[in-house]
Amino acid sequence: QGIPLEIYAFSSDKRWENYEYIMAD
C-alpha cells in the first residue's frame, strides 16, 4: 500500500477522552 510513517510518542494526559482528542488533533 505504501510507506508507513509511524509516530511513536506519549501523551501527557492519560485520560481516555483527552488521549483520543490529543491523538486526533
mmCIF file of all heavy atoms, coordinates in Angstrom:
data_MODEL
# 
_entry.id   MODEL 
# 
loop_
_atom_site.group_PDB 
_atom_site.id 
_atom_site.type_symbol 
_atom_site.label_atom_id 
_atom_site.label_alt_id 
_atom_site.label_comp_id 
_atom_site.label_asym_id 
_atom_site.label_entity_id 
_atom_site.label_seq_id 
_atom_site.pdbx_PDB_ins_code 
_atom_site.Cartn_x 
_atom_site.Cartn_y 
_atom_site.Cartn_z 
_atom_site.occupancy 
_atom_site.B_iso_or_equiv 
_atom_site.pdbx_formal_charge 
_atom_site.auth_seq_id 
_atom_site.auth_comp_id 
_atom_site.auth_asym_id 
_atom_site.auth_atom_id 
_atom_site.pdbx_PDB_model_num 
ATOM 1   N N   . GLN A 1 1  ? 0.812   -1.217 0.000  1.00 0.00 ? 1  GLN A N   1 
ATOM 2   C CA  . GLN A 1 1  ? 0.000   0.000  0.000  1.00 0.00 ? 1  GLN A CA  1 
ATOM 3   C C   . GLN A 1 1  ? 0.846   1.267  0.000  1.00 0.00 ? 1  GLN A C   1 
ATOM 4   O O   . GLN A 1 1  ? 0.390   2.316  -0.437 1.00 0.00 ? 1  GLN A O   1 
ATOM 5   C CB  . GLN A 1 1  ? -0.918  0.014  1.233  1.00 0.00 ? 1  GLN A CB  1 
ATOM 6   C CG  . GLN A 1 1  ? -2.073  -0.968 1.177  1.00 0.00 ? 1  GLN A CG  1 
ATOM 7   C CD  . GLN A 1 1  ? -1.614  -2.394 1.427  1.00 0.00 ? 1  GLN A CD  1 
ATOM 8   O OE1 . GLN A 1 1  ? -0.681  -2.632 2.207  1.00 0.00 ? 1  GLN A OE1 1 
ATOM 9   N NE2 . GLN A 1 1  ? -2.244  -3.346 0.757  1.00 0.00 ? 1  GLN A NE2 1 
ATOM 10  N N   . GLY A 1 2  ? 2.075   1.185  0.527  1.00 0.00 ? 2  GLY A N   1 
ATOM 11  C CA  . GLY A 1 2  ? 2.920   2.375  0.572  1.00 0.00 ? 2  GLY A CA  1 
ATOM 12  C C   . GLY A 1 2  ? 3.939   2.284  1.687  1.00 0.00 ? 2  GLY A C   1 
ATOM 13  O O   . GLY A 1 2  ? 4.256   1.203  2.186  1.00 0.00 ? 2  GLY A O   1 
ATOM 14  N N   . ILE A 1 3  ? 4.449   3.446  2.087  1.00 0.00 ? 3  ILE A N   1 
ATOM 15  C CA  . ILE A 1 3  ? 5.468   3.536  3.131  1.00 0.00 ? 3  ILE A CA  1 
ATOM 16  C C   . ILE A 1 3  ? 4.809   3.984  4.437  1.00 0.00 ? 3  ILE A C   1 
ATOM 17  O O   . ILE A 1 3  ? 4.317   5.114  4.522  1.00 0.00 ? 3  ILE A O   1 
ATOM 18  C CB  . ILE A 1 3  ? 6.564   4.556  2.756  1.00 0.00 ? 3  ILE A CB  1 
ATOM 19  C CG1 . ILE A 1 3  ? 7.143   4.251  1.375  1.00 0.00 ? 3  ILE A CG1 1 
ATOM 20  C CG2 . ILE A 1 3  ? 7.658   4.567  3.825  1.00 0.00 ? 3  ILE A CG2 1 
ATOM 21  C CD1 . ILE A 1 3  ? 7.903   2.949  1.310  1.00 0.00 ? 3  ILE A CD1 1 
ATOM 22  N N   . PRO A 1 4  ? 4.785   3.119  5.473  1.00 0.00 ? 4  PRO A N   1 
ATOM 23  C CA  . PRO A 1 4  ? 4.216   3.538  6.769  1.00 0.00 ? 4  PRO A CA  1 
ATOM 24  C C   . PRO A 1 4  ? 5.177   4.486  7.497  1.00 0.00 ? 4  PRO A C   1 
ATOM 25  O O   . PRO A 1 4  ? 6.336   4.149  7.720  1.00 0.00 ? 4  PRO A O   1 
ATOM 26  C CB  . PRO A 1 4  ? 4.066   2.228  7.548  1.00 0.00 ? 4  PRO A CB  1 
ATOM 27  C CG  . PRO A 1 4  ? 4.217   1.131  6.529  1.00 0.00 ? 4  PRO A CG  1 
ATOM 28  C CD  . PRO A 1 4  ? 5.117   1.680  5.468  1.00 0.00 ? 4  PRO A CD  1 
ATOM 29  N N   . LEU A 1 5  ? 4.694   5.662  7.800  1.00 0.00 ? 5  LEU A N   1 
ATOM 30  C CA  . LEU A 1 5  ? 5.458   6.624  8.587  1.00 0.00 ? 5  LEU A CA  1 
ATOM 31  C C   . LEU A 1 5  ? 4.806   6.655  9.967  1.00 0.00 ? 5  LEU A C   1 
ATOM 32  O O   . LEU A 1 5  ? 3.731   7.221  10.153 1.00 0.00 ? 5  LEU A O   1 
ATOM 33  C CB  . LEU A 1 5  ? 5.418   8.004  7.941  1.00 0.00 ? 5  LEU A CB  1 
ATOM 34  C CG  . LEU A 1 5  ? 6.415   9.036  8.483  1.00 0.00 ? 5  LEU A CG  1 
ATOM 35  C CD1 . LEU A 1 5  ? 7.850   8.618  8.163  1.00 0.00 ? 5  LEU A CD1 1 
ATOM 36  C CD2 . LEU A 1 5  ? 6.122   10.410 7.905  1.00 0.00 ? 5  LEU A CD2 1 
ATOM 37  N N   . GLU A 1 6  ? 5.474   6.019  10.950 1.00 0.00 ? 6  GLU A N   1 
ATOM 38  C CA  . GLU A 1 6  ? 4.857   5.805  12.269 1.00 0.00 ? 6  GLU A CA  1 
ATOM 39  C C   . GLU A 1 6  ? 5.264   6.880  13.267 1.00 0.00 ? 6  GLU A C   1 
ATOM 40  O O   . GLU A 1 6  ? 6.436   7.242  13.363 1.00 0.00 ? 6  GLU A O   1 
ATOM 41  C CB  . GLU A 1 6  ? 5.238   4.435  12.816 1.00 0.00 ? 6  GLU A CB  1 
ATOM 42  C CG  . GLU A 1 6  ? 4.532   4.098  14.121 1.00 0.00 ? 6  GLU A CG  1 
ATOM 43  C CD  . GLU A 1 6  ? 4.960   2.762  14.684 1.00 0.00 ? 6  GLU A CD  1 
ATOM 44  O OE1 . GLU A 1 6  ? 6.075   2.674  15.240 1.00 0.00 ? 6  GLU A OE1 1 
ATOM 45  O OE2 . GLU A 1 6  ? 4.189   1.798  14.550 1.00 0.00 ? 6  GLU A OE2 1 
ATOM 46  N N   . ILE A 1 7  ? 4.268   7.354  13.993 1.00 0.00 ? 7  ILE A N   1 
ATOM 47  C CA  . ILE A 1 7  ? 4.501   8.291  15.102 1.00 0.00 ? 7  ILE A CA  1 
ATOM 48  C C   . ILE A 1 7  ? 4.482   7.477  16.381 1.00 0.00 ? 7  ILE A C   1 
ATOM 49  O O   . ILE A 1 7  ? 3.499   6.792  16.687 1.00 0.00 ? 7  ILE A O   1 
ATOM 50  C CB  . ILE A 1 7  ? 3.439   9.400  15.148 1.00 0.00 ? 7  ILE A CB  1 
ATOM 51  C CG1 . ILE A 1 7  ? 3.663   10.426 14.020 1.00 0.00 ? 7  ILE A CG1 1 
ATOM 52  C CG2 . ILE A 1 7  ? 3.463   10.119 16.484 1.00 0.00 ? 7  ILE A CG2 1 
ATOM 53  C CD1 . ILE A 1 7  ? 3.138   10.002 12.692 1.00 0.00 ? 7  ILE A CD1 1 
ATOM 54  N N   . TYR A 1 8  ? 5.563   7.539  17.128 1.00 0.00 ? 8  TYR A N   1 
ATOM 55  C CA  . TYR A 1 8  ? 5.679   6.824  18.405 1.00 0.00 ? 8  TYR A CA  1 
ATOM 56  C C   . TYR A 1 8  ? 5.991   7.858  19.474 1.00 0.00 ? 8  TYR A C   1 
ATOM 57  O O   . TYR A 1 8  ? 7.106   8.383  19.556 1.00 0.00 ? 8  TYR A O   1 
ATOM 58  C CB  . TYR A 1 8  ? 6.798   5.776  18.333 1.00 0.00 ? 8  TYR A CB  1 
ATOM 59  C CG  . TYR A 1 8  ? 6.788   4.768  19.460 1.00 0.00 ? 8  TYR A CG  1 
ATOM 60  C CD1 . TYR A 1 8  ? 6.293   3.485  19.261 1.00 0.00 ? 8  TYR A CD1 1 
ATOM 61  C CD2 . TYR A 1 8  ? 7.269   5.093  20.721 1.00 0.00 ? 8  TYR A CD2 1 
ATOM 62  C CE1 . TYR A 1 8  ? 6.281   2.547  20.288 1.00 0.00 ? 8  TYR A CE1 1 
ATOM 63  C CE2 . TYR A 1 8  ? 7.255   4.172  21.752 1.00 0.00 ? 8  TYR A CE2 1 
ATOM 64  C CZ  . TYR A 1 8  ? 6.765   2.902  21.534 1.00 0.00 ? 8  TYR A CZ  1 
ATOM 65  O OH  . TYR A 1 8  ? 6.748   1.969  22.550 1.00 0.00 ? 8  TYR A OH  1 
ATOM 66  N N   . ALA A 1 9  ? 4.983   8.164  20.289 1.00 0.00 ? 9  ALA A N   1 
ATOM 67  C CA  . ALA A 1 9  ? 5.141   9.200  21.319 1.00 0.00 ? 9  ALA A CA  1 
ATOM 68  C C   . ALA A 1 9  ? 4.181   8.899  22.459 1.00 0.00 ? 9  ALA A C   1 
ATOM 69  O O   . ALA A 1 9  ? 3.432   7.911  22.437 1.00 0.00 ? 9  ALA A O   1 
ATOM 70  C CB  . ALA A 1 9  ? 4.879   10.574 20.714 1.00 0.00 ? 9  ALA A CB  1 
ATOM 71  N N   . PHE A 1 10 ? 4.188   9.764  23.477 1.00 0.00 ? 10 PHE A N   1 
ATOM 72  C CA  . PHE A 1 10 ? 3.333   9.580  24.649 1.00 0.00 ? 10 PHE A CA  1 
ATOM 73  C C   . PHE A 1 10 ? 2.631   10.887 24.978 1.00 0.00 ? 10 PHE A C   1 
ATOM 74  O O   . PHE A 1 10 ? 3.271   11.940 25.057 1.00 0.00 ? 10 PHE A O   1 
ATOM 75  C CB  . PHE A 1 10 ? 4.158   9.130  25.862 1.00 0.00 ? 10 PHE A CB  1 
ATOM 76  C CG  . PHE A 1 10 ? 4.673   7.721  25.754 1.00 0.00 ? 10 PHE A CG  1 
ATOM 77  C CD1 . PHE A 1 10 ? 5.837   7.450  25.042 1.00 0.00 ? 10 PHE A CD1 1 
ATOM 78  C CD2 . PHE A 1 10 ? 3.991   6.677  26.348 1.00 0.00 ? 10 PHE A CD2 1 
ATOM 79  C CE1 . PHE A 1 10 ? 6.314   6.155  24.931 1.00 0.00 ? 10 PHE A CE1 1 
ATOM 80  C CE2 . PHE A 1 10 ? 4.456   5.371  26.248 1.00 0.00 ? 10 PHE A CE2 1 
ATOM 81  C CZ  . PHE A 1 10 ? 5.614   5.105  25.539 1.00 0.00 ? 10 PHE A CZ  1 
ATOM 82  N N   . SER A 1 11 ? 1.319   10.792 25.140 1.00 0.00 ? 11 SER A N   1 
ATOM 83  C CA  . SER A 1 11 ? 0.562   11.980 25.538 1.00 0.00 ? 11 SER A CA  1 
ATOM 84  C C   . SER A 1 11 ? 0.696   12.190 27.035 1.00 0.00 ? 11 SER A C   1 
ATOM 85  O O   . SER A 1 11 ? 0.719   11.229 27.811 1.00 0.00 ? 11 SER A O   1 
ATOM 86  C CB  . SER A 1 11 ? -0.917  11.828 25.161 1.00 0.00 ? 11 SER A CB  1 
ATOM 87  O OG  . SER A 1 11 ? -1.528  10.822 25.951 1.00 0.00 ? 11 SER A OG  1 
ATOM 88  N N   . SER A 1 12 ? 0.780   13.436 27.466 1.00 0.00 ? 12 SER A N   1 
ATOM 89  C CA  . SER A 1 12 ? 0.908   13.736 28.890 1.00 0.00 ? 12 SER A CA  1 
ATOM 90  C C   . SER A 1 12 ? -0.371  13.402 29.650 1.00 0.00 ? 12 SER A C   1 
ATOM 91  O O   . SER A 1 12 ? -0.327  12.965 30.793 1.00 0.00 ? 12 SER A O   1 
ATOM 92  C CB  . SER A 1 12 ? 1.249   15.214 29.090 1.00 0.00 ? 12 SER A CB  1 
ATOM 93  O OG  . SER A 1 12 ? 2.468   15.541 28.456 1.00 0.00 ? 12 SER A OG  1 
ATOM 94  N N   . ASP A 1 13 ? -1.495  13.599 29.009 1.00 0.00 ? 13 ASP A N   1 
ATOM 95  C CA  . ASP A 1 13 ? -2.788  13.313 29.636 1.00 0.00 ? 13 ASP A CA  1 
ATOM 96  C C   . ASP A 1 13 ? -3.171  11.869 29.325 1.00 0.00 ? 13 ASP A C   1 
ATOM 97  O O   . ASP A 1 13 ? -3.279  11.476 28.165 1.00 0.00 ? 13 ASP A O   1 
ATOM 98  C CB  . ASP A 1 13 ? -3.850  14.280 29.102 1.00 0.00 ? 13 ASP A CB  1 
ATOM 99  C CG  . ASP A 1 13 ? -5.078  14.330 29.989 1.00 0.00 ? 13 ASP A CG  1 
ATOM 100 O OD1 . ASP A 1 13 ? -5.435  13.293 30.570 1.00 0.00 ? 13 ASP A OD1 1 
ATOM 101 O OD2 . ASP A 1 13 ? -5.686  15.411 30.104 1.00 0.00 ? 13 ASP A OD2 1 
ATOM 102 N N   . LYS A 1 14 ? -3.396  11.067 30.389 1.00 0.00 ? 14 LYS A N   1 
ATOM 103 C CA  . LYS A 1 14 ? -3.676  9.640  30.194 1.00 0.00 ? 14 LYS A CA  1 
ATOM 104 C C   . LYS A 1 14 ? -5.160  9.314  30.203 1.00 0.00 ? 14 LYS A C   1 
ATOM 105 O O   . LYS A 1 14 ? -5.539  8.170  29.960 1.00 0.00 ? 14 LYS A O   1 
ATOM 106 C CB  . LYS A 1 14 ? -2.975  8.838  31.304 1.00 0.00 ? 14 LYS A CB  1 
ATOM 107 C CG  . LYS A 1 14 ? -1.458  8.918  31.231 1.00 0.00 ? 14 LYS A CG  1 
ATOM 108 C CD  . LYS A 1 14 ? -0.814  8.404  32.495 1.00 0.00 ? 14 LYS A CD  1 
ATOM 109 C CE  . LYS A 1 14 ? -0.946  9.410  33.608 1.00 0.00 ? 14 LYS A CE  1 
ATOM 110 N NZ  . LYS A 1 14 ? -0.220  9.026  34.827 1.00 0.00 ? 14 LYS A NZ  1 
ATOM 111 N N   . ARG A 1 15 ? -5.998  10.297 30.477 1.00 0.00 ? 15 ARG A N   1 
ATOM 112 C CA  . ARG A 1 15 ? -7.440  10.051 30.475 1.00 0.00 ? 15 ARG A CA  1 
ATOM 113 C C   . ARG A 1 15 ? -7.912  9.725  29.060 1.00 0.00 ? 15 ARG A C   1 
ATOM 114 O O   . ARG A 1 15 ? -7.504  10.386 28.111 1.00 0.00 ? 15 ARG A O   1 
ATOM 115 C CB  . ARG A 1 15 ? -8.184  11.251 31.037 1.00 0.00 ? 15 ARG A CB  1 
ATOM 116 C CG  . ARG A 1 15 ? -7.955  11.459 32.538 1.00 0.00 ? 15 ARG A CG  1 
ATOM 117 C CD  . ARG A 1 15 ? -8.516  12.770 33.004 1.00 0.00 ? 15 ARG A CD  1 
ATOM 118 N NE  . ARG A 1 15 ? -7.799  13.909 32.430 1.00 0.00 ? 15 ARG A NE  1 
ATOM 119 C CZ  . ARG A 1 15 ? -8.098  15.169 32.670 1.00 0.00 ? 15 ARG A CZ  1 
ATOM 120 N NH1 . ARG A 1 15 ? -9.107  15.468 33.491 1.00 0.00 ? 15 ARG A NH1 1 
ATOM 121 N NH2 . ARG A 1 15 ? -7.410  16.149 32.109 1.00 0.00 ? 15 ARG A NH2 1 
ATOM 122 N N   . TRP A 1 16 ? -8.778  8.754  28.965 1.00 0.00 ? 16 TRP A N   1 
ATOM 123 C CA  . TRP A 1 16 ? -9.151  8.196  27.662 1.00 0.00 ? 16 TRP A CA  1 
ATOM 124 C C   . TRP A 1 16 ? -9.674  9.268  26.714 1.00 0.00 ? 16 TRP A C   1 
ATOM 125 O O   . TRP A 1 16 ? -9.226  9.381  25.570 1.00 0.00 ? 16 TRP A O   1 
ATOM 126 C CB  . TRP A 1 16 ? -10.193 7.090  27.865 1.00 0.00 ? 16 TRP A CB  1 
ATOM 127 C CG  . TRP A 1 16 ? -10.505 6.309  26.616 1.00 0.00 ? 16 TRP A CG  1 
ATOM 128 C CD1 . TRP A 1 16 ? -9.777  6.290  25.464 1.00 0.00 ? 16 TRP A CD1 1 
ATOM 129 C CD2 . TRP A 1 16 ? -11.611 5.445  26.407 1.00 0.00 ? 16 TRP A CD2 1 
ATOM 130 N NE1 . TRP A 1 16 ? -10.356 5.462  24.532 1.00 0.00 ? 16 TRP A NE1 1 
ATOM 131 C CE2 . TRP A 1 16 ? -11.487 4.933  25.096 1.00 0.00 ? 16 TRP A CE2 1 
ATOM 132 C CE3 . TRP A 1 16 ? -12.690 5.046  27.186 1.00 0.00 ? 16 TRP A CE3 1 
ATOM 133 C CZ2 . TRP A 1 16 ? -12.420 4.033  24.562 1.00 0.00 ? 16 TRP A CZ2 1 
ATOM 134 C CZ3 . TRP A 1 16 ? -13.602 4.149  26.658 1.00 0.00 ? 16 TRP A CZ3 1 
ATOM 135 C CH2 . TRP A 1 16 ? -13.471 3.650  25.364 1.00 0.00 ? 16 TRP A CH2 1 
ATOM 136 N N   . GLU A 1 17 ? -10.654 10.060 27.177 1.00 0.00 ? 17 GLU A N   1 
ATOM 137 C CA  . GLU A 1 17 ? -11.254 11.061 26.288 1.00 0.00 ? 17 GLU A CA  1 
ATOM 138 C C   . GLU A 1 17 ? -10.212 12.069 25.810 1.00 0.00 ? 17 GLU A C   1 
ATOM 139 O O   . GLU A 1 17 ? -10.147 12.394 24.613 1.00 0.00 ? 17 GLU A O   1 
ATOM 140 C CB  . GLU A 1 17 ? -12.393 11.801 27.012 1.00 0.00 ? 17 GLU A CB  1 
ATOM 141 C CG  . GLU A 1 17 ? -13.528 10.910 27.474 1.00 0.00 ? 17 GLU A CG  1 
ATOM 142 C CD  . GLU A 1 17 ? -13.313 10.386 28.876 1.00 0.00 ? 17 GLU A CD  1 
ATOM 143 O OE1 . GLU A 1 17 ? -12.144 10.391 29.337 1.00 0.00 ? 17 GLU A OE1 1 
ATOM 144 O OE2 . GLU A 1 17 ? -14.302 9.982  29.511 1.00 0.00 ? 17 GLU A OE2 1 
ATOM 145 N N   . ASN A 1 18 ? -9.384  12.546 26.734 1.00 0.00 ? 18 ASN A N   1 
ATOM 146 C CA  . ASN A 1 18 ? -8.364  13.536 26.368 1.00 0.00 ? 18 ASN A CA  1 
ATOM 147 C C   . ASN A 1 18 ? -7.283  12.933 25.488 1.00 0.00 ? 18 ASN A C   1 
ATOM 148 O O   . ASN A 1 18 ? -6.772  13.585 24.572 1.00 0.00 ? 18 ASN A O   1 
ATOM 149 C CB  . ASN A 1 18 ? -7.742  14.134 27.626 1.00 0.00 ? 18 ASN A CB  1 
ATOM 150 C CG  . ASN A 1 18 ? -8.746  14.915 28.448 1.00 0.00 ? 18 ASN A CG  1 
ATOM 151 O OD1 . ASN A 1 18 ? -9.862  15.140 28.016 1.00 0.00 ? 18 ASN A OD1 1 
ATOM 152 N ND2 . ASN A 1 18 ? -8.362  15.321 29.639 1.00 0.00 ? 18 ASN A ND2 1 
ATOM 153 N N   . TYR A 1 19 ? -6.939  11.683 25.785 1.00 0.00 ? 19 TYR A N   1 
ATOM 154 C CA  . TYR A 1 19 ? -5.936  10.978 24.973 1.00 0.00 ? 19 TYR A CA  1 
ATOM 155 C C   . TYR A 1 19 ? -6.403  10.857 23.526 1.00 0.00 ? 19 TYR A C   1 
ATOM 156 O O   . TYR A 1 19 ? -5.644  11.123 22.583 1.00 0.00 ? 19 TYR A O   1 
ATOM 157 C CB  . TYR A 1 19 ? -5.687  9.602  25.581 1.00 0.00 ? 19 TYR A CB  1 
ATOM 158 C CG  . TYR A 1 19 ? -5.007  8.620  24.655 1.00 0.00 ? 19 TYR A CG  1 
ATOM 159 C CD1 . TYR A 1 19 ? -3.632  8.686  24.405 1.00 0.00 ? 19 TYR A CD1 1 
ATOM 160 C CD2 . TYR A 1 19 ? -5.746  7.609  24.035 1.00 0.00 ? 19 TYR A CD2 1 
ATOM 161 C CE1 . TYR A 1 19 ? -3.019  7.782  23.558 1.00 0.00 ? 19 TYR A CE1 1 
ATOM 162 C CE2 . TYR A 1 19 ? -5.133  6.700  23.190 1.00 0.00 ? 19 TYR A CE2 1 
ATOM 163 C CZ  . TYR A 1 19 ? -3.776  6.790  22.958 1.00 0.00 ? 19 TYR A CZ  1 
ATOM 164 O OH  . TYR A 1 19 ? -3.174  5.886  22.113 1.00 0.00 ? 19 TYR A OH  1 
ATOM 165 N N   . GLU A 1 20 ? -7.649  10.469 23.324 1.00 0.00 ? 20 GLU A N   1 
ATOM 166 C CA  . GLU A 1 20 ? -8.180  10.347 21.963 1.00 0.00 ? 20 GLU A CA  1 
ATOM 167 C C   . GLU A 1 20 ? -8.227  11.695 21.270 1.00 0.00 ? 20 GLU A C   1 
ATOM 168 O O   . GLU A 1 20 ? -7.958  11.797 20.061 1.00 0.00 ? 20 GLU A O   1 
ATOM 169 C CB  . GLU A 1 20 ? -9.587  9.720  22.014 1.00 0.00 ? 20 GLU A CB  1 
ATOM 170 C CG  . GLU A 1 20 ? -9.629  8.267  22.460 1.00 0.00 ? 20 GLU A CG  1 
ATOM 171 C CD  . GLU A 1 20 ? -9.013  7.319  21.445 1.00 0.00 ? 20 GLU A CD  1 
ATOM 172 O OE1 . GLU A 1 20 ? -8.815  7.740  20.277 1.00 0.00 ? 20 GLU A OE1 1 
ATOM 173 O OE2 . GLU A 1 20 ? -8.738  6.152  21.806 1.00 0.00 ? 20 GLU A OE2 1 
ATOM 174 N N   . TYR A 1 21 ? -8.558  12.736 22.023 1.00 0.00 ? 21 TYR A N   1 
ATOM 175 C CA  . TYR A 1 21 ? -8.606  14.081 21.429 1.00 0.00 ? 21 TYR A CA  1 
ATOM 176 C C   . TYR A 1 21 ? -7.211  14.524 20.997 1.00 0.00 ? 21 TYR A C   1 
ATOM 177 O O   . TYR A 1 21 ? -7.032  15.073 19.899 1.00 0.00 ? 21 TYR A O   1 
ATOM 178 C CB  . TYR A 1 21 ? -9.186  15.072 22.445 1.00 0.00 ? 21 TYR A CB  1 
ATOM 179 C CG  . TYR A 1 21 ? -9.192  16.492 21.954 1.00 0.00 ? 21 TYR A CG  1 
ATOM 180 C CD1 . TYR A 1 21 ? -10.229 16.964 21.150 1.00 0.00 ? 21 TYR A CD1 1 
ATOM 181 C CD2 . TYR A 1 21 ? -8.151  17.364 22.274 1.00 0.00 ? 21 TYR A CD2 1 
ATOM 182 C CE1 . TYR A 1 21 ? -10.231 18.263 20.674 1.00 0.00 ? 21 TYR A CE1 1 
ATOM 183 C CE2 . TYR A 1 21 ? -8.145  18.663 21.805 1.00 0.00 ? 21 TYR A CE2 1 
ATOM 184 C CZ  . TYR A 1 21 ? -9.184  19.111 21.015 1.00 0.00 ? 21 TYR A CZ  1 
ATOM 185 O OH  . TYR A 1 21 ? -9.187  20.395 20.551 1.00 0.00 ? 21 TYR A OH  1 
ATOM 186 N N   . ILE A 1 22 ? -6.220  14.294 21.852 1.00 0.00 ? 22 ILE A N   1 
ATOM 187 C CA  . ILE A 1 22 ? -4.840  14.695 21.533 1.00 0.00 ? 22 ILE A CA  1 
ATOM 188 C C   . ILE A 1 22 ? -4.348  13.967 20.284 1.00 0.00 ? 22 ILE A C   1 
ATOM 189 O O   . ILE A 1 22 ? -3.763  14.574 19.371 1.00 0.00 ? 22 ILE A O   1 
ATOM 190 C CB  . ILE A 1 22 ? -3.910  14.411 22.730 1.00 0.00 ? 22 ILE A CB  1 
ATOM 191 C CG1 . ILE A 1 22 ? -4.255  15.337 23.902 1.00 0.00 ? 22 ILE A CG1 1 
ATOM 192 C CG2 . ILE A 1 22 ? -2.439  14.574 22.338 1.00 0.00 ? 22 ILE A CG2 1 
ATOM 193 C CD1 . ILE A 1 22 ? -3.632  14.919 25.209 1.00 0.00 ? 22 ILE A CD1 1 
ATOM 194 N N   . MET A 1 23 ? -4.590  12.656 20.239 1.00 0.00 ? 23 MET A N   1 
ATOM 195 C CA  . MET A 1 23 ? -4.124  11.870 19.100 1.00 0.00 ? 23 MET A CA  1 
ATOM 196 C C   . MET A 1 23 ? -4.825  12.315 17.810 1.00 0.00 ? 23 MET A C   1 
ATOM 197 O O   . MET A 1 23 ? -4.184  12.452 16.753 1.00 0.00 ? 23 MET A O   1 
ATOM 198 C CB  . MET A 1 23 ? -4.375  10.379 19.351 1.00 0.00 ? 23 MET A CB  1 
ATOM 199 C CG  . MET A 1 23 ? -3.806  9.465  18.280 1.00 0.00 ? 23 MET A CG  1 
ATOM 200 S SD  . MET A 1 23 ? -3.664  7.747  18.831 1.00 0.00 ? 23 MET A SD  1 
ATOM 201 C CE  . MET A 1 23 ? -5.337  7.403  19.348 1.00 0.00 ? 23 MET A CE  1 
ATOM 202 N N   . ALA A 1 24 ? -6.117  12.568 17.891 1.00 0.00 ? 24 ALA A N   1 
ATOM 203 C CA  . ALA A 1 24 ? -6.853  13.040 16.712 1.00 0.00 ? 24 ALA A CA  1 
ATOM 204 C C   . ALA A 1 24 ? -6.358  14.419 16.272 1.00 0.00 ? 24 ALA A C   1 
ATOM 205 O O   . ALA A 1 24 ? -6.224  14.690 15.064 1.00 0.00 ? 24 ALA A O   1 
ATOM 206 C CB  . ALA A 1 24 ? -8.349  13.085 17.017 1.00 0.00 ? 24 ALA A CB  1 
ATOM 207 N N   . ASP A 1 25 ? -6.067  15.291 17.240 1.00 0.00 ? 25 ASP A N   1 
ATOM 208 C CA  . ASP A 1 25 ? -5.581  16.624 16.920 1.00 0.00 ? 25 ASP A CA  1 
ATOM 209 C C   . ASP A 1 25 ? -4.241  16.555 16.179 1.00 0.00 ? 25 ASP A C   1 
ATOM 210 O O   . ASP A 1 25 ? -4.023  17.291 15.202 1.00 0.00 ? 25 ASP A O   1 
ATOM 211 C CB  . ASP A 1 25 ? -5.422  17.422 18.215 1.00 0.00 ? 25 ASP A CB  1 
ATOM 212 C CG  . ASP A 1 25 ? -4.903  18.826 17.963 1.00 0.00 ? 25 ASP A CG  1 
ATOM 213 O OD1 . ASP A 1 25 ? -5.653  19.636 17.399 1.00 0.00 ? 25 ASP A OD1 1 
ATOM 214 O OD2 . ASP A 1 25 ? -3.739  19.093 18.321 1.00 0.00 ? 25 ASP A OD2 1 
# 
